[in-house]
């Protein structure tokens, strides 16, 4: 999708239309846009297919860095947005 410079509300409306058309939303950073979408359209995230790069499921396996939830940049950088989005963890795959 080409960039569409404009006001933030335009981005939120693009997200709304995408959810209504059955698109999967993929968040690769802070969840601020998802929180705004939920704020402007309460309940919409409950009907959305989401893939989020962030969250802390549990301690890393042996051999991986011993990082805890405080190292999860994508969620920690905007905790208020993550809470507003009321995200629940998915089952471990």
C-alpha atoms as a PDB file:
ATOM      1  CA  UNK A   1       0.000   0.000   0.000  1.00  0.00           C
ATOM      2  CA  UNK A   2       1.493   3.387  -0.930  1.00  0.00           C
ATOM      3  CA  UNK A   3       1.917   6.039   1.793  1.00  0.00           C
ATOM      4  CA  UNK A   4      -1.083   8.311   2.255  1.00  0.00           C
ATOM      5  CA  UNK A   5       0.106  11.443   4.102  1.00  0.00           C
ATOM      6  CA  UNK A   6      -2.668  13.183   5.984  1.00  0.00           C
ATOM      7  CA  UNK A   7      -4.277  13.685   9.374  1.00  0.00           C
ATOM      8  CA  UNK A   8      -4.274  10.874  11.950  1.00  0.00           C
ATOM      9  CA  UNK A   9      -8.064  10.585  11.753  1.00  0.00           C
ATOM     10  CA  UNK A  10      -7.686   9.529   8.111  1.00  0.00           C
ATOM     11  CA  UNK A  11      -5.427   6.667   9.194  1.00  0.00           C
ATOM     12  CA  UNK A  12      -7.950   5.605  11.836  1.00  0.00           C
ATOM     13  CA  UNK A  13     -10.735   5.615   9.255  1.00  0.00           C
ATOM     14  CA  UNK A  14      -8.597   3.554   6.873  1.00  0.00           C
ATOM     15  CA  UNK A  15      -8.119   1.025   9.676  1.00  0.00           C
ATOM     16  CA  UNK A  16     -11.890   0.999  10.337  1.00  0.00           C
ATOM     17  CA  UNK A  17     -12.700   0.363   6.687  1.00  0.00           C
ATOM     18  CA  UNK A  18     -10.065  -2.345   6.533  1.00  0.00           C
ATOM     19  CA  UNK A  19     -11.511  -4.154   9.568  1.00  0.00           C
ATOM     20  CA  UNK A  20     -15.021  -3.898   8.114  1.00  0.00           C
ATOM     21  CA  UNK A  21     -13.746  -5.519   4.907  1.00  0.00           C
ATOM     22  CA  UNK A  22     -12.200  -8.412   6.814  1.00  0.00           C
ATOM     23  CA  UNK A  23      -8.540  -7.381   6.678  1.00  0.00           C
ATOM     24  CA  UNK A  24      -6.067  -8.639   9.256  1.00  0.00           C
ATOM     25  CA  UNK A  25      -4.389  -5.759  11.071  1.00  0.00           C
ATOM     26  CA  UNK A  26      -0.685  -6.264  11.728  1.00  0.00           C
ATOM     27  CA  UNK A  27       0.925  -4.016  14.345  1.00  0.00           C
ATOM     28  CA  UNK A  28       4.707  -3.980  14.283  1.00  0.00           C
ATOM     29  CA  UNK A  29       5.325  -1.273  16.861  1.00  0.00           C
ATOM     30  CA  UNK A  30       3.511   0.676  19.561  1.00  0.00           C
ATOM     31  CA  UNK A  31      -0.248   0.107  19.625  1.00  0.00           C
ATOM     32  CA  UNK A  32      -1.228   3.777  19.590  1.00  0.00           C
ATOM     33  CA  UNK A  33      -3.141   3.531  16.302  1.00  0.00           C
ATOM     34  CA  UNK A  34      -5.125   0.531  17.532  1.00  0.00           C
ATOM     35  CA  UNK A  35      -6.016   2.388  20.734  1.00  0.00           C
ATOM     36  CA  UNK A  36      -7.220   5.357  18.670  1.00  0.00           C
ATOM     37  CA  UNK A  37      -9.266   3.033  16.477  1.00  0.00           C
ATOM     38  CA  UNK A  38     -10.919   1.535  19.563  1.00  0.00           C
ATOM     39  CA  UNK A  39     -11.483   4.999  21.069  1.00  0.00           C
ATOM     40  CA  UNK A  40     -13.210   6.321  17.933  1.00  0.00           C
ATOM     41  CA  UNK A  41     -15.097   3.071  17.232  1.00  0.00           C
ATOM     42  CA  UNK A  42     -15.689   1.287  20.563  1.00  0.00           C
ATOM     43  CA  UNK A  43     -15.774  -2.487  20.246  1.00  0.00           C
ATOM     44  CA  UNK A  44     -14.230  -2.663  16.777  1.00  0.00           C
ATOM     45  CA  UNK A  45     -11.102  -4.494  17.922  1.00  0.00           C
ATOM     46  CA  UNK A  46     -13.320  -7.240  19.274  1.00  0.00           C
ATOM     47  CA  UNK A  47     -14.284  -7.975  15.665  1.00  0.00           C
ATOM     48  CA  UNK A  48     -10.834  -7.525  14.152  1.00  0.00           C
ATOM     49  CA  UNK A  49      -8.248 -10.118  13.249  1.00  0.00           C
ATOM     50  CA  UNK A  50      -5.042  -8.831  14.839  1.00  0.00           C
ATOM     51  CA  UNK A  51      -1.416  -9.867  14.659  1.00  0.00           C
ATOM     52  CA  UNK A  52       0.712  -7.961  17.136  1.00  0.00           C
ATOM     53  CA  UNK A  53       4.470  -8.008  17.374  1.00  0.00           C
ATOM     54  CA  UNK A  54       4.792  -7.513  21.091  1.00  0.00           C
ATOM     55  CA  UNK A  55       3.833  -8.899  24.407  1.00  0.00           C
ATOM     56  CA  UNK A  56       5.480 -11.105  26.957  1.00  0.00           C
ATOM     57  CA  UNK A  57       4.335 -14.705  27.123  1.00  0.00           C
ATOM     58  CA  UNK A  58       6.935 -16.132  29.461  1.00  0.00           C
ATOM     59  CA  UNK A  59      10.636 -16.489  30.101  1.00  0.00           C
ATOM     60  CA  UNK A  60      12.781 -17.168  27.039  1.00  0.00           C
ATOM     61  CA  UNK A  61      14.154 -20.650  26.460  1.00  0.00           C
ATOM     62  CA  UNK A  62      17.726 -21.518  27.365  1.00  0.00           C
ATOM     63  CA  UNK A  63      20.226 -19.860  25.072  1.00  0.00           C
ATOM     64  CA  UNK A  64      18.133 -16.739  24.437  1.00  0.00           C
ATOM     65  CA  UNK A  65      18.779 -13.401  26.192  1.00  0.00           C
ATOM     66  CA  UNK A  66      17.223 -13.373  29.693  1.00  0.00           C
ATOM     67  CA  UNK A  67      14.837 -10.520  28.902  1.00  0.00           C
ATOM     68  CA  UNK A  68      11.661  -9.971  30.867  1.00  0.00           C
ATOM     69  CA  UNK A  69       8.493  -8.007  30.097  1.00  0.00           C
ATOM     70  CA  UNK A  70      10.247  -4.690  30.740  1.00  0.00           C
ATOM     71  CA  UNK A  71      12.269  -5.264  27.542  1.00  0.00           C
ATOM     72  CA  UNK A  72       9.191  -5.551  25.306  1.00  0.00           C
ATOM     73  CA  UNK A  73       9.509  -2.237  23.487  1.00  0.00           C
ATOM     74  CA  UNK A  74       6.420  -2.536  21.279  1.00  0.00           C
ATOM     75  CA  UNK A  75       4.011  -2.723  24.210  1.00  0.00           C
ATOM     76  CA  UNK A  76       6.000  -0.876  26.882  1.00  0.00           C
ATOM     77  CA  UNK A  77       6.537   2.276  24.801  1.00  0.00           C
ATOM     78  CA  UNK A  78       2.781   3.006  24.929  1.00  0.00           C
ATOM     79  CA  UNK A  79       1.321   0.967  27.776  1.00  0.00           C
ATOM     80  CA  UNK A  80      -1.770   3.184  27.870  1.00  0.00           C
ATOM     81  CA  UNK A  81      -2.532   2.276  24.256  1.00  0.00           C
ATOM     82  CA  UNK A  82      -2.018  -1.433  24.927  1.00  0.00           C
ATOM     83  CA  UNK A  83      -4.435  -1.240  27.850  1.00  0.00           C
ATOM     84  CA  UNK A  84      -6.942   0.767  25.807  1.00  0.00           C
ATOM     85  CA  UNK A  85      -6.836  -1.880  23.098  1.00  0.00           C
ATOM     86  CA  UNK A  86      -7.683  -4.466  25.815  1.00  0.00           C
ATOM     87  CA  UNK A  87      -5.513  -7.059  24.157  1.00  0.00           C
ATOM     88  CA  UNK A  88      -5.547 -10.636  25.375  1.00  0.00           C
ATOM     89  CA  UNK A  89      -2.720 -13.054  24.686  1.00  0.00           C
ATOM     90  CA  UNK A  90      -3.228 -15.709  22.055  1.00  0.00           C
ATOM     91  CA  UNK A  91      -2.296 -19.339  22.643  1.00  0.00           C
ATOM     92  CA  UNK A  92       1.352 -20.176  22.105  1.00  0.00           C
ATOM     93  CA  UNK A  93       1.887 -21.685  18.701  1.00  0.00           C
END
